[in-house]
Structure formats: structure tokens, C-alpha cells
Amino acid sequence: MKARSAIACALAAWLAGCQVIAPLPGEGGEGGTLATDGGSVETDADAGDAGQDSGPPPAATPPPPTPPPQQQIGPCEIAECSTHCINSMDRCELAPQYPSVEACCTVCEAMPSPAGYAACRPVETGDPAGCTDAGPLGPDGADGCAGRCETLCTLYAALCPLRVPDLESCTVMCSLWPAPTVFNACSRLRVEGTLECRMQLIFAALDEDLDEKKRDELCRDIVQGRCRDPKCEDGGDDED
């Protein structure tokens, strides 16, 4: 999971940076200044009680209990992404939108607003068209939603910063690519130059085991729309 989190962090770094904010250390209580008087040691707090029987020392205050560590909710590190990815993998077996739950988490968590991405893609039905609307290539143009081109280009600009100068240029190019009626992340594609072809190439480029040269080759293929056989978690490759 750490490796996948590192990938998601790297994908989001170009947008807002990946920051780890550590809490400031708590300031300790004000201890009195030690002073000596004929061999005795007292603090400033006790100076006003000099000459009086102080009695037994007060019991030490126990430290506050350590809060339990935060637990990850579901497969993703963001709860809304976990809900979206679990529903997508469970309900879209006939037309999977992601090759694996890890890929789904990476895509969702890389968006400028992961919660907004998930909210715009509720998996309400398991039929191919319904799953496509709930996947990375849909919806498009809805108010407040990351459309298919914004989703694809957010991932592409992070994976391939040297191939496309910026997100806006990628979005303009993407608007010219044919959009699918039904998308299946596990299908073999023979039609090159399409959005689904490029989305499958992006899934391939998310592989953490790729070296820099192979990822750059995939970045080139994404622009040119050259299709490759997908690798899916369930091994299902449906012929189109």
C-alpha cells in the first residue's frame, strides 16, 4: 500500500505539492527555578511556603492516553475513493472501469478533488453504459465534476510532463479524440486514437515497476493513440 500511496502522491505533486505537516511539539509546563538554601532545594513555586510543613508531595499527574492510530478506511486512503472503488469493482464486473482496485484508488486520489471525483461517479447500476458513466471516462461537462478529459489529462500531465506542456493543452487535444459509448478497461482494443485506447495506456503507465524509459514510451503512445493489450486483475480480456 505504501508503494501505491507514493504513486498517488507523485501524481498529485504537480497540482498542489505533496506535504506532510507534523504537529508542533507541545510546550511544557513552567517549572520553577531551582534555588539552594543551606543545602535544601526548592522551586519558585514553593518559595512562598518556606517555613511551613509542606506535607507529602502531590501525586504525579498521569500522562494523557495515547490516541489510537488512524486506520485506513477501505482499500484507499480517502474514504470517498474507497466507497467509489469498492462499488465499481463489485458492480461493474461485466464492464470493469479500472484494471484493479489499486488503479482505481490511484486515479481517484490523484484528482484535484478526490471527493468530488467520486461524488460525480456514483455506481448506481452494473450495466455497461451505467458503469461507463461512473468510470474515469464519464461524465463529461457536468457542473462541479471532473470530466473525462480533465481526468485523463490530470493523469497524463503528471505521468508525462515532458510530452504535453500543460493541462490546458492536453484538454484541447483530448476534446478531439472520439469518446466511447461503453468503456471496458479489460477489453482488447483495435481502434487506435480513441479515448478508451489512451485510458488503457495510462493504466499501463501507472505500473510502479516501469522504468523511466518504458514509461516514456507509453507517454509517446498515449499521444499517438497506439493501443496495447490491457492487463486486468481478473484476467478477463473480452474481444470487441
C-alpha atoms as a PDB file:
ATOM      1  CA  MET A   1       0.000   0.000   0.000  1.00  0.00           C
ATOM      2  CA  LYS A   2       2.952   2.339   0.677  1.00  0.00           C
ATOM      3  CA  ALA A   3       4.106   1.991  -2.934  1.00  0.00           C
ATOM      4  CA  ARG A   4       0.666   2.822  -4.249  1.00  0.00           C
ATOM      5  CA  SER A   5       0.425   5.804  -1.877  1.00  0.00           C
ATOM      6  CA  ALA A   6       3.766   7.072  -3.160  1.00  0.00           C
ATOM      7  CA  ILE A   7       2.461   6.908  -6.755  1.00  0.00           C
ATOM      8  CA  ALA A   8      -0.721   8.775  -5.832  1.00  0.00           C
ATOM      9  CA  CYS A   9       1.374  11.401  -4.039  1.00  0.00           C
ATOM     10  CA  ALA A  10       3.639  11.804  -7.061  1.00  0.00           C
ATOM     11  CA  LEU A  11       0.642  12.194  -9.386  1.00  0.00           C
ATOM     12  CA  ALA A  12      -0.815  14.967  -7.223  1.00  0.00           C
ATOM     13  CA  ALA A  13       2.526  16.722  -6.650  1.00  0.00           C
ATOM     14  CA  TRP A  14       2.388  18.807  -9.843  1.00  0.00           C
ATOM     15  CA  LEU A  15      -1.019  20.197  -8.795  1.00  0.00           C
ATOM     16  CA  ALA A  16      -0.579  21.218  -5.183  1.00  0.00           C
ATOM     17  CA  GLY A  17       2.569  19.578  -3.871  1.00  0.00           C
ATOM     18  CA  CYS A  18       2.689  16.636  -1.510  1.00  0.00           C
ATOM     19  CA  GLN A  19       3.015  17.966   2.028  1.00  0.00           C
ATOM     20  CA  VAL A  20       3.394  16.223   5.349  1.00  0.00           C
ATOM     21  CA  ILE A  21       2.518  18.540   8.188  1.00  0.00           C
ATOM     22  CA  ALA A  22       3.906  17.437  11.524  1.00  0.00           C
ATOM     23  CA  PRO A  23       2.273  18.776  14.700  1.00  0.00           C
ATOM     24  CA  LEU A  24       4.333  21.210  16.676  1.00  0.00           C
ATOM     25  CA  PRO A  25       5.670  19.769  19.905  1.00  0.00           C
ATOM     26  CA  GLY A  26       3.587  20.721  22.911  1.00  0.00           C
ATOM     27  CA  GLU A  27       5.037  23.325  25.215  1.00  0.00           C
ATOM     28  CA  GLY A  28       5.873  22.030  28.639  1.00  0.00           C
ATOM     29  CA  GLY A  29       4.626  23.499  31.899  1.00  0.00           C
ATOM     30  CA  GLU A  30       6.501  26.315  33.581  1.00  0.00           C
ATOM     31  CA  GLY A  31       8.818  24.740  36.050  1.00  0.00           C
ATOM     32  CA  GLY A  32      10.145  26.844  38.932  1.00  0.00           C
ATOM     33  CA  THR A  33      13.755  27.985  39.055  1.00  0.00           C
ATOM     34  CA  LEU A  34      15.775  25.848  41.382  1.00  0.00           C
ATOM     35  CA  ALA A  35      17.426  27.689  44.277  1.00  0.00           C
ATOM     36  CA  THR A  36      19.562  26.412  47.147  1.00  0.00           C
ATOM     37  CA  ASP A  37      19.276  27.448  50.789  1.00  0.00           C
ATOM     38  CA  GLY A  38      21.550  25.743  53.252  1.00  0.00           C
ATOM     39  CA  GLY A  39      21.638  22.566  51.257  1.00  0.00           C
ATOM     40  CA  SER A  40      17.890  22.420  50.627  1.00  0.00           C
ATOM     41  CA  VAL A  41      16.454  22.653  47.122  1.00  0.00           C
ATOM     42  CA  GLU A  42      13.173  24.382  46.417  1.00  0.00           C
ATOM     43  CA  THR A  43      11.388  25.796  43.414  1.00  0.00           C
ATOM     44  CA  ASP A  44       9.968  29.278  42.919  1.00  0.00           C
ATOM     45  CA  ALA A  45       6.501  27.835  43.269  1.00  0.00           C
ATOM     46  CA  ASP A  46       7.358  26.591  46.769  1.00  0.00           C
ATOM     47  CA  ALA A  47       9.196  29.751  47.849  1.00  0.00           C
ATOM     48  CA  GLY A  48       6.086  31.329  49.316  1.00  0.00           C
ATOM     49  CA  ASP A  49       5.524  28.324  51.596  1.00  0.00           C
ATOM     50  CA  ALA A  50       9.005  28.432  53.155  1.00  0.00           C
ATOM     51  CA  GLY A  51       8.956  27.626  56.880  1.00  0.00           C
ATOM     52  CA  GLN A  52       5.673  25.716  56.668  1.00  0.00           C
ATOM     53  CA  ASP A  53       5.227  21.985  56.631  1.00  0.00           C
ATOM     54  CA  SER A  54       4.614  21.162  53.020  1.00  0.00           C
ATOM     55  CA  GLY A  55       3.307  17.689  53.766  1.00  0.00           C
ATOM     56  CA  PRO A  56       3.598  14.778  51.352  1.00  0.00           C
ATOM     57  CA  PRO A  57       4.347  15.703  47.735  1.00  0.00           C
ATOM     58  CA  PRO A  58       1.316  15.729  45.401  1.00  0.00           C
ATOM     59  CA  ALA A  59       0.757  12.655  43.315  1.00  0.00           C
ATOM     60  CA  ALA A  60       2.195  12.850  39.811  1.00  0.00           C
ATOM     61  CA  THR A  61      -0.355  13.619  37.097  1.00  0.00           C
ATOM     62  CA  PRO A  62      -0.568  10.654  34.731  1.00  0.00           C
ATOM     63  CA  PRO A  63       0.159  11.428  31.059  1.00  0.00           C
ATOM     64  CA  PRO A  64      -2.859  11.689  28.746  1.00  0.00           C
ATOM     65  CA  PRO A  65      -3.761   8.441  27.000  1.00  0.00           C
ATOM     66  CA  THR A  66      -2.193   7.917  23.596  1.00  0.00           C
ATOM     67  CA  PRO A  67      -4.874   8.212  20.888  1.00  0.00           C
ATOM     68  CA  PRO A  68      -5.300   5.099  18.768  1.00  0.00           C
ATOM     69  CA  PRO A  69      -3.602   5.269  15.361  1.00  0.00           C
ATOM     70  CA  GLN A  70      -5.824   6.325  12.485  1.00  0.00           C
ATOM     71  CA  GLN A  71      -6.902   3.346  10.468  1.00  0.00           C
ATOM     72  CA  GLN A  72      -7.273   3.323   6.729  1.00  0.00           C
ATOM     73  CA  ILE A  73     -10.908   3.062   5.666  1.00  0.00           C
ATOM     74  CA  GLY A  74     -11.183   0.533   2.874  1.00  0.00           C
ATOM     75  CA  PRO A  75      -8.610  -0.014   0.118  1.00  0.00           C
ATOM     76  CA  CYS A  76      -7.912   3.706  -0.491  1.00  0.00           C
ATOM     77  CA  GLU A  77      -6.510   6.318   1.838  1.00  0.00           C
ATOM     78  CA  ILE A  78      -9.503   8.592   1.185  1.00  0.00           C
ATOM     79  CA  ALA A  79     -12.858   7.245   2.368  1.00  0.00           C
ATOM     80  CA  GLU A  80     -14.848   8.581  -0.611  1.00  0.00           C
ATOM     81  CA  CYS A  81     -12.417   6.917  -3.030  1.00  0.00           C
ATOM     82  CA  SER A  82     -12.728   3.631  -1.151  1.00  0.00           C
ATOM     83  CA  THR A  83     -16.511   3.703  -1.456  1.00  0.00           C
ATOM     84  CA  HIS A  84     -16.341   4.517  -5.161  1.00  0.00           C
ATOM     85  CA  CYS A  85     -13.721   1.862  -5.928  1.00  0.00           C
ATOM     86  CA  ILE A  86     -15.398  -0.895  -3.929  1.00  0.00           C
ATOM     87  CA  ASN A  87     -18.740  -0.211  -5.648  1.00  0.00           C
ATOM     88  CA  SER A  88     -17.109  -0.024  -9.065  1.00  0.00           C
ATOM     89  CA  MET A  89     -15.233  -3.314  -8.679  1.00  0.00           C
ATOM     90  CA  ASP A  90     -18.272  -5.092  -7.184  1.00  0.00           C
ATOM     91  CA  ARG A  91     -20.962  -3.876  -9.580  1.00  0.00           C
ATOM     92  CA  CYS A  92     -19.069  -3.499 -12.851  1.00  0.00           C
ATOM     93  CA  GLU A  93     -17.754  -6.999 -13.445  1.00  0.00           C
ATOM     94  CA  LEU A  94     -19.281  -7.045 -16.940  1.00  0.00           C
ATOM     95  CA  ALA A  95     -17.634  -3.744 -17.885  1.00  0.00           C
ATOM     96  CA  PRO A  96     -14.800  -3.000 -15.440  1.00  0.00           C
ATOM     97  CA  GLN A  97     -13.758   0.641 -15.396  1.00  0.00           C
ATOM     98  CA  TYR A  98     -10.416   0.006 -13.692  1.00  0.00           C
ATOM     99  CA  PRO A  99      -7.989  -2.911 -14.113  1.00  0.00           C
ATOM    100  CA  SER A 100      -7.686  -3.237 -10.326  1.00  0.00           C
ATOM    101  CA  VAL A 101      -8.874  -1.606  -7.123  1.00  0.00           C
ATOM    102  CA  GLU A 102      -5.348  -0.207  -6.649  1.00  0.00           C
ATOM    103  CA  ALA A 103      -5.553   1.542 -10.028  1.00  0.00           C
ATOM    104  CA  CYS A 104      -8.955   2.956  -9.074  1.00  0.00           C
ATOM    105  CA  CYS A 105      -7.578   4.337  -5.806  1.00  0.00           C
ATOM    106  CA  THR A 106      -4.616   5.904  -7.615  1.00  0.00           C
ATOM    107  CA  VAL A 107      -6.852   7.587 -10.203  1.00  0.00           C
ATOM    108  CA  CYS A 108      -9.329   8.888  -7.617  1.00  0.00           C
ATOM    109  CA  GLU A 109      -6.680  10.130  -5.198  1.00  0.00           C
ATOM    110  CA  ALA A 110      -4.751  11.917  -7.982  1.00  0.00           C
ATOM    111  CA  MET A 111      -7.689  14.191  -8.835  1.00  0.00           C
ATOM    112  CA  PRO A 112      -7.702  17.838  -7.663  1.00  0.00           C
ATOM    113  CA  SER A 113     -10.798  16.940  -5.619  1.00  0.00           C
ATOM    114  CA  PRO A 114     -10.940  13.184  -4.912  1.00  0.00           C
ATOM    115  CA  ALA A 115     -14.225  13.522  -3.023  1.00  0.00           C
ATOM    116  CA  GLY A 116     -15.715  15.490  -5.914  1.00  0.00           C
ATOM    117  CA  TYR A 117     -14.484  12.931  -8.434  1.00  0.00           C
ATOM    118  CA  ALA A 118     -16.140  10.096  -6.502  1.00  0.00           C
ATOM    119  CA  ALA A 119     -19.360  12.054  -5.898  1.00  0.00           C
ATOM    120  CA  CYS A 120     -19.782  12.692  -9.638  1.00  0.00           C
ATOM    121  CA  ARG A 121     -19.393   8.986 -10.432  1.00  0.00           C
ATOM    122  CA  PRO A 122     -21.862   7.030  -8.294  1.00  0.00           C
ATOM    123  CA  VAL A 123     -22.038   3.391  -9.372  1.00  0.00           C
ATOM    124  CA  GLU A 124     -25.800   3.018  -9.481  1.00  0.00           C
ATOM    125  CA  THR A 125     -26.101   0.178 -11.979  1.00  0.00           C
ATOM    126  CA  GLY A 126     -23.887  -2.632 -13.161  1.00  0.00           C
ATOM    127  CA  ASP A 127     -24.810  -2.494 -16.850  1.00  0.00           C
ATOM    128  CA  PRO A 128     -22.022  -1.431 -19.258  1.00  0.00           C
ATOM    129  CA  ALA A 129     -23.481   2.004 -20.035  1.00  0.00           C
ATOM    130  CA  GLY A 130     -24.131   2.773 -16.371  1.00  0.00           C
ATOM    131  CA  CYS A 131     -20.633   1.693 -15.405  1.00  0.00           C
ATOM    132  CA  THR A 132     -19.108   3.823 -18.164  1.00  0.00           C
ATOM    133  CA  ASP A 133     -20.921   6.881 -16.792  1.00  0.00           C
ATOM    134  CA  ALA A 134     -19.481   6.045 -13.357  1.00  0.00           C
ATOM    135  CA  GLY A 135     -15.936   5.425 -14.609  1.00  0.00           C
ATOM    136  CA  PRO A 136     -12.943   7.635 -15.435  1.00  0.00           C
ATOM    137  CA  LEU A 137     -14.306   8.479 -18.899  1.00  0.00           C
ATOM    138  CA  GLY A 138     -17.629   9.797 -17.685  1.00  0.00           C
ATOM    139  CA  PRO A 139     -19.487  12.010 -17.049  1.00  0.00           C
ATOM    140  CA  ASP A 140     -18.400  14.946 -19.179  1.00  0.00           C
ATOM    141  CA  GLY A 141     -19.354  18.574 -18.731  1.00  0.00           C
ATOM    142  CA  ALA A 142     -21.380  18.166 -15.519  1.00  0.00           C
ATOM    143  CA  ASP A 143     -21.227  21.146 -13.159  1.00  0.00           C
ATOM    144  CA  GLY A 144     -18.582  20.682 -10.495  1.00  0.00           C
ATOM    145  CA  CYS A 145     -17.404  17.358 -11.930  1.00  0.00           C
ATOM    146  CA  ALA A 146     -14.057  16.359 -13.362  1.00  0.00           C
ATOM    147  CA  GLY A 147     -14.972  15.420 -16.921  1.00  0.00           C
ATOM    148  CA  ARG A 148     -13.365  12.643 -18.905  1.00  0.00           C
ATOM    149  CA  CYS A 149     -10.757  14.923 -20.487  1.00  0.00           C
ATOM    150  CA  GLU A 150      -9.858  16.575 -17.186  1.00  0.00           C
ATOM    151  CA  THR A 151      -9.475  13.145 -15.594  1.00  0.00           C
ATOM    152  CA  LEU A 152      -7.362  11.737 -18.405  1.00  0.00           C
ATOM    153  CA  CYS A 153      -5.235  14.879 -18.726  1.00  0.00           C
ATOM    154  CA  THR A 154      -4.680  15.210 -14.979  1.00  0.00           C
ATOM    155  CA  LEU A 155      -3.144  11.740 -15.020  1.00  0.00           C
ATOM    156  CA  TYR A 156      -1.314  12.285 -18.300  1.00  0.00           C
ATOM    157  CA  ALA A 157       0.238  15.610 -17.319  1.00  0.00           C
ATOM    158  CA  ALA A 158       1.527  14.066 -14.082  1.00  0.00           C
ATOM    159  CA  LEU A 159       2.891  10.904 -15.720  1.00  0.00           C
ATOM    160  CA  CYS A 160       4.243  12.572 -18.863  1.00  0.00           C
ATOM    161  CA  PRO A 161       5.218  16.175 -18.044  1.00  0.00           C
ATOM    162  CA  LEU A 162       7.708  16.322 -20.932  1.00  0.00           C
ATOM    163  CA  ARG A 163       5.206  15.231 -23.586  1.00  0.00           C
ATOM    164  CA  VAL A 164       2.452  17.810 -23.033  1.00  0.00           C
ATOM    165  CA  PRO A 165       3.296  21.328 -21.830  1.00  0.00           C
ATOM    166  CA  ASP A 166       0.276  21.802 -19.573  1.00  0.00           C
ATOM    167  CA  LEU A 167      -3.173  20.584 -18.622  1.00  0.00           C
ATOM    168  CA  GLU A 168      -4.967  23.065 -20.880  1.00  0.00           C
ATOM    169  CA  SER A 169      -3.089  21.899 -23.993  1.00  0.00           C
ATOM    170  CA  CYS A 170      -3.912  18.270 -23.181  1.00  0.00           C
ATOM    171  CA  THR A 171      -7.591  19.101 -22.681  1.00  0.00           C
ATOM    172  CA  VAL A 172      -7.765  20.777 -26.098  1.00  0.00           C
ATOM    173  CA  MET A 173      -6.204  17.705 -27.729  1.00  0.00           C
ATOM    174  CA  CYS A 174      -8.483  15.365 -25.762  1.00  0.00           C
ATOM    175  CA  SER A 175     -11.620  17.124 -26.968  1.00  0.00           C
ATOM    176  CA  LEU A 176     -10.789  15.918 -30.495  1.00  0.00           C
ATOM    177  CA  TRP A 177     -10.463  12.240 -29.540  1.00  0.00           C
ATOM    178  CA  PRO A 178     -13.553  10.022 -30.054  1.00  0.00           C
ATOM    179  CA  ALA A 179     -15.389   9.309 -26.803  1.00  0.00           C
ATOM    180  CA  PRO A 180     -16.682   5.792 -26.068  1.00  0.00           C
ATOM    181  CA  THR A 181     -20.287   4.835 -25.503  1.00  0.00           C
ATOM    182  CA  VAL A 182     -19.122   1.898 -23.406  1.00  0.00           C
ATOM    183  CA  PHE A 183     -15.694   1.580 -21.808  1.00  0.00           C
ATOM    184  CA  ASN A 184     -14.193  -1.703 -20.615  1.00  0.00           C
ATOM    185  CA  ALA A 185     -10.742  -1.499 -19.066  1.00  0.00           C
ATOM    186  CA  CYS A 186     -10.193  -5.207 -19.736  1.00  0.00           C
ATOM    187  CA  SER A 187     -11.165  -5.328 -23.419  1.00  0.00           C
ATOM    188  CA  ARG A 188      -8.750  -5.684 -26.310  1.00  0.00           C
ATOM    189  CA  LEU A 189      -8.916  -2.572 -28.457  1.00  0.00           C
ATOM    190  CA  ARG A 190      -8.209  -2.495 -32.167  1.00  0.00           C
ATOM    191  CA  VAL A 191      -9.424   1.060 -32.823  1.00  0.00           C
ATOM    192  CA  GLU A 192      -6.464   3.338 -32.283  1.00  0.00           C
ATOM    193  CA  GLY A 193      -6.641   7.022 -31.446  1.00  0.00           C
ATOM    194  CA  THR A 194      -9.661   6.736 -29.151  1.00  0.00           C
ATOM    195  CA  LEU A 195     -10.102   7.873 -25.565  1.00  0.00           C
ATOM    196  CA  GLU A 196     -10.533   4.319 -24.292  1.00  0.00           C
ATOM    197  CA  CYS A 197      -7.293   3.299 -26.006  1.00  0.00           C
ATOM    198  CA  ARG A 198      -5.446   6.145 -24.303  1.00  0.00           C
ATOM    199  CA  MET A 199      -7.060   5.414 -20.937  1.00  0.00           C
ATOM    200  CA  GLN A 200      -5.791   1.831 -21.093  1.00  0.00           C
ATOM    201  CA  LEU A 201      -2.301   3.136 -21.882  1.00  0.00           C
ATOM    202  CA  ILE A 202      -2.500   5.412 -18.846  1.00  0.00           C
ATOM    203  CA  PHE A 203      -3.429   2.426 -16.676  1.00  0.00           C
ATOM    204  CA  ALA A 204      -0.340   0.662 -18.048  1.00  0.00           C
ATOM    205  CA  ALA A 205       1.830   3.719 -17.296  1.00  0.00           C
ATOM    206  CA  LEU A 206       0.672   3.664 -13.653  1.00  0.00           C
ATOM    207  CA  ASP A 207       2.589   0.404 -13.136  1.00  0.00           C
ATOM    208  CA  GLU A 208       5.070   1.126 -10.344  1.00  0.00           C
ATOM    209  CA  ASP A 209       7.551  -1.402 -11.771  1.00  0.00           C
ATOM    210  CA  LEU A 210       8.064   0.511 -15.031  1.00  0.00           C
ATOM    211  CA  ASP A 211      11.426   2.117 -15.568  1.00  0.00           C
ATOM    212  CA  GLU A 212      11.714   5.665 -16.905  1.00  0.00           C
ATOM    213  CA  LYS A 213      12.364   4.562 -20.486  1.00  0.00           C
ATOM    214  CA  LYS A 214       9.317   2.280 -20.697  1.00  0.00           C
ATOM    215  CA  ARG A 215       7.071   4.902 -19.141  1.00  0.00           C
ATOM    216  CA  ASP A 216       8.287   7.473 -21.667  1.00  0.00           C
ATOM    217  CA  GLU A 217       7.454   5.043 -24.476  1.00  0.00           C
ATOM    218  CA  LEU A 218       3.937   4.734 -23.092  1.00  0.00           C
ATOM    219  CA  CYS A 219       3.675   8.516 -22.867  1.00  0.00           C
ATOM    220  CA  ARG A 220       4.507   8.708 -26.556  1.00  0.00           C
ATOM    221  CA  ASP A 221       1.953   6.025 -27.382  1.00  0.00           C
ATOM    222  CA  ILE A 222      -0.745   7.867 -25.414  1.00  0.00           C
ATOM    223  CA  VAL A 223      -0.338  10.950 -27.614  1.00  0.00           C
ATOM    224  CA  GLN A 224      -0.284   8.845 -30.766  1.00  0.00           C
ATOM    225  CA  GLY A 225      -3.131   6.602 -29.599  1.00  0.00           C
ATOM    226  CA  ARG A 226      -1.348   3.273 -30.104  1.00  0.00           C
ATOM    227  CA  CYS A 227      -3.279   0.526 -28.347  1.00  0.00           C
ATOM    228  CA  ARG A 228      -1.802  -2.296 -26.295  1.00  0.00           C
ATOM    229  CA  ASP A 229      -3.297  -5.349 -24.657  1.00  0.00           C
ATOM    230  CA  PRO A 230      -4.566  -4.451 -21.178  1.00  0.00           C
ATOM    231  CA  LYS A 231      -3.562  -6.248 -18.002  1.00  0.00           C
ATOM    232  CA  CYS A 232      -6.502  -6.698 -15.683  1.00  0.00           C
ATOM    233  CA  GLU A 233      -6.665  -8.078 -12.193  1.00  0.00           C
ATOM    234  CA  ASP A 234      -9.292 -10.694 -13.055  1.00  0.00           C
ATOM    235  CA  GLY A 235      -7.538 -11.698 -16.270  1.00  0.00           C
ATOM    236  CA  GLY A 236     -10.672 -11.052 -18.311  1.00  0.00           C
ATOM    237  CA  ASP A 237      -9.892  -9.864 -21.832  1.00  0.00           C
ATOM    238  CA  ASP A 238     -13.092  -9.594 -23.859  1.00  0.00           C
ATOM    239  CA  GLU A 239     -12.875  -9.351 -27.605  1.00  0.00           C
ATOM    240  CA  ASP A 240     -14.569  -6.289 -29.082  1.00  0.00           C
END
